[in-house]
Amino acid sequence: MADTKAVAVFESVYRRTDQQIRDILATYQPGAEVDTINVLIGDGVNVLSTGVKAALRVDFNARLTGGFVHEFDGTTGSVSISVDKALYEVGVPPSFALISASSPLAISANRYGENPTLDSWTTEINRGEVLRFNVTSVTAFTRLLVTLRVRRLEP
């Protein structure tokens, strides 16, 4: 059987540790979550044409941190994809603004392209904004996966 002094010391350590954990949890803010926005463009049969190919609404505040384009059907070619954003409001036509600036997502005579830093992009995305993906030039591709790496700024 443990003596009363040992029990008192253990209880004191337990109370202190418990309070420290409660203090940490009270001020803890979870880190930003890294996620991706994925858009599949094309049917895999017909060669892509230029124009708006996809749009989606983002329901969280985020920062774009990278962009990638993948071709996975075995075709080599070139493509340039610009990205626009606009605030979505019911009953109001969106007013899109280019966020990809002078460095759109692109593949040049290959099957993969990336922009891992998104230099010159407007990278802040607010809850409720719509992203629009526009193929500005293309050769040979029938289907592409466009991926934007995002850091969620809220849970």
Protein backbone atom coordinates (compact mmCIF):
# COMPACT_ATOMS: atom_id res chain seq x y z
CA MET A 1 0.00 0.00 0.00
CA ALA A 2 1.36 3.48 -0.93
CA ASP A 3 2.05 5.86 1.87
CA THR A 4 0.05 9.10 2.13
CA LYS A 5 3.03 11.33 1.21
CA ALA A 6 3.54 9.49 -2.08
CA VAL A 7 -0.17 9.75 -2.88
CA ALA A 8 -0.16 13.49 -2.07
CA VAL A 9 2.84 14.09 -4.35
CA PHE A 10 1.23 12.12 -7.19
CA GLU A 11 -2.07 14.02 -6.81
CA SER A 12 -0.20 17.35 -6.85
CA VAL A 13 1.65 16.43 -10.05
CA TYR A 14 -1.59 15.19 -11.60
CA ARG A 15 -3.42 18.46 -10.74
CA ARG A 16 -0.58 20.57 -12.15
CA THR A 17 -0.38 18.54 -15.37
CA ASP A 18 -4.16 18.62 -15.77
CA GLN A 19 -4.19 22.43 -15.38
CA GLN A 20 -1.34 22.85 -17.86
CA ILE A 21 -3.19 20.73 -20.44
CA ARG A 22 -6.37 22.76 -19.89
CA ASP A 23 -4.40 26.02 -20.34
CA ILE A 24 -2.87 24.77 -23.59
CA LEU A 25 -6.21 23.57 -24.97
CA ALA A 26 -7.90 26.86 -24.07
CA THR A 27 -5.51 28.82 -26.30
CA TYR A 28 -4.88 26.19 -29.00
CA GLN A 29 -5.81 27.11 -32.55
CA PRO A 30 -5.56 24.30 -35.08
CA GLY A 31 -3.08 24.77 -37.90
CA ALA A 32 -4.20 25.47 -41.41
CA GLU A 33 -5.27 22.43 -43.36
CA VAL A 34 -3.64 21.74 -46.72
CA ASP A 35 -6.09 20.50 -49.30
CA THR A 36 -6.60 20.45 -53.06
CA ILE A 37 -9.23 21.63 -55.49
CA ASN A 38 -9.40 19.19 -58.40
CA VAL A 39 -11.09 19.84 -61.75
CA LEU A 40 -11.30 17.30 -64.55
CA ILE A 41 -11.57 18.92 -68.00
CA GLY A 42 -12.51 17.02 -71.17
CA ASP A 43 -14.12 13.72 -72.07
CA GLY A 44 -11.02 11.74 -73.06
CA VAL A 45 -12.25 11.34 -76.66
CA ASN A 46 -12.53 14.78 -78.29
CA VAL A 47 -9.65 17.23 -78.44
CA LEU A 48 -10.23 20.13 -76.05
CA SER A 49 -11.20 23.51 -77.43
CA THR A 50 -10.58 26.93 -75.96
CA GLY A 51 -13.04 28.58 -73.62
CA VAL A 52 -14.45 28.24 -70.11
CA LYS A 53 -14.38 24.56 -69.14
CA ALA A 54 -15.28 24.51 -65.44
CA ALA A 55 -16.34 26.62 -62.49
CA LEU A 56 -16.76 25.84 -58.82
CA ARG A 57 -17.68 27.61 -55.60
CA VAL A 58 -15.25 27.68 -52.65
CA ASP A 59 -17.02 27.51 -49.29
CA PHE A 60 -14.08 28.37 -47.04
CA ASN A 61 -11.42 31.08 -46.75
CA ALA A 62 -8.17 29.84 -48.29
CA ARG A 63 -4.86 30.73 -49.85
CA LEU A 64 -3.74 29.10 -53.10
CA THR A 65 -0.20 27.74 -52.78
CA GLY A 66 0.39 25.77 -55.99
CA GLY A 67 -1.12 24.76 -59.31
CA PHE A 68 -0.67 21.59 -61.37
CA VAL A 69 -1.94 20.21 -64.70
CA HIS A 70 -1.80 16.47 -65.46
CA GLU A 71 -2.53 14.60 -68.66
CA PHE A 72 -3.07 10.90 -68.00
CA ASP A 73 -4.28 9.44 -71.32
CA GLY A 74 -0.81 9.15 -72.90
CA THR A 75 -1.00 12.24 -75.11
CA THR A 76 1.75 14.84 -75.33
CA GLY A 77 0.72 18.40 -76.12
CA SER A 78 0.48 21.96 -74.91
CA VAL A 79 -2.15 23.86 -72.96
CA SER A 80 -2.57 27.14 -71.13
CA ILE A 81 -5.28 27.50 -68.48
CA SER A 82 -6.16 30.79 -66.82
CA VAL A 83 -8.10 30.99 -63.57
CA ASP A 84 -10.59 33.74 -62.69
CA LYS A 85 -12.53 34.41 -59.51
CA ALA A 86 -15.70 36.29 -58.63
CA LEU A 87 -17.93 36.69 -55.61
CA TYR A 88 -21.06 34.58 -55.95
CA GLU A 89 -24.29 36.35 -55.04
CA VAL A 90 -27.73 34.95 -55.79
CA GLY A 91 -29.42 36.91 -58.59
CA VAL A 92 -26.32 38.96 -59.43
CA PRO A 93 -24.17 38.09 -62.46
CA PRO A 94 -20.60 37.41 -61.34
CA SER A 95 -17.88 39.84 -62.34
CA PHE A 96 -14.82 37.66 -62.91
CA ALA A 97 -11.26 38.91 -62.42
CA LEU A 98 -8.15 37.07 -63.64
CA ILE A 99 -6.11 35.69 -60.74
CA SER A 100 -3.47 33.78 -62.70
CA ALA A 101 -1.91 36.99 -64.11
CA SER A 102 1.10 36.45 -66.35
CA SER A 103 1.72 32.85 -65.30
CA PRO A 104 -1.26 30.63 -66.17
CA LEU A 105 -1.18 26.91 -65.53
CA ALA A 106 0.50 25.34 -68.53
CA ILE A 107 1.94 22.26 -70.16
CA SER A 108 4.43 22.76 -72.97
CA ALA A 109 5.12 19.75 -75.24
CA ASN A 110 4.79 17.39 -72.30
CA ARG A 111 2.21 15.60 -70.15
CA TYR A 112 2.63 17.55 -66.91
CA GLY A 113 2.95 21.17 -65.87
CA GLU A 114 3.21 22.93 -62.55
CA ASN A 115 3.42 26.31 -60.91
CA PRO A 116 4.42 25.40 -57.35
CA THR A 117 4.64 28.98 -56.07
CA LEU A 118 1.94 30.86 -58.03
CA ASP A 119 4.15 33.93 -58.35
CA SER A 120 2.14 36.92 -59.63
CA TRP A 121 -1.19 35.25 -58.78
CA THR A 122 -3.88 36.68 -56.52
CA THR A 123 -3.83 33.82 -54.03
CA GLU A 124 -6.43 34.81 -51.41
CA ILE A 125 -9.81 33.09 -51.87
CA ASN A 126 -12.77 34.15 -49.74
CA ARG A 127 -15.71 32.01 -48.72
CA GLY A 128 -18.40 32.15 -51.39
CA GLU A 129 -16.15 33.03 -54.31
CA VAL A 130 -16.37 31.14 -57.59
CA LEU A 131 -13.29 29.95 -59.47
CA ARG A 132 -13.54 29.67 -63.25
CA PHE A 133 -11.10 27.65 -65.38
CA ASN A 134 -10.55 28.90 -68.92
CA VAL A 135 -8.51 27.03 -71.56
CA THR A 136 -6.80 29.84 -73.50
CA SER A 137 -4.79 27.62 -75.88
CA VAL A 138 -4.55 23.87 -76.43
CA THR A 139 -3.09 21.24 -78.77
CA ALA A 140 -3.80 17.48 -78.75
CA PHE A 141 -5.20 17.01 -75.22
CA THR A 142 -8.54 15.30 -74.68
CA ARG A 143 -8.64 15.24 -70.87
CA LEU A 144 -6.73 17.10 -68.15
CA LEU A 145 -6.70 17.15 -64.38
CA VAL A 146 -6.21 20.65 -63.00
CA THR A 147 -5.24 20.77 -59.32
CA LEU A 148 -4.93 23.81 -57.08
CA ARG A 149 -3.18 23.27 -53.75
CA VAL A 150 -4.92 25.32 -51.05
CA ARG A 151 -4.25 26.12 -47.45
CA ARG A 152 -7.53 26.43 -45.60
CA LEU A 153 -7.53 29.46 -43.33
CA GLU A 154 -10.38 28.18 -41.19
CA PRO A 155 -11.60 24.77 -40.00
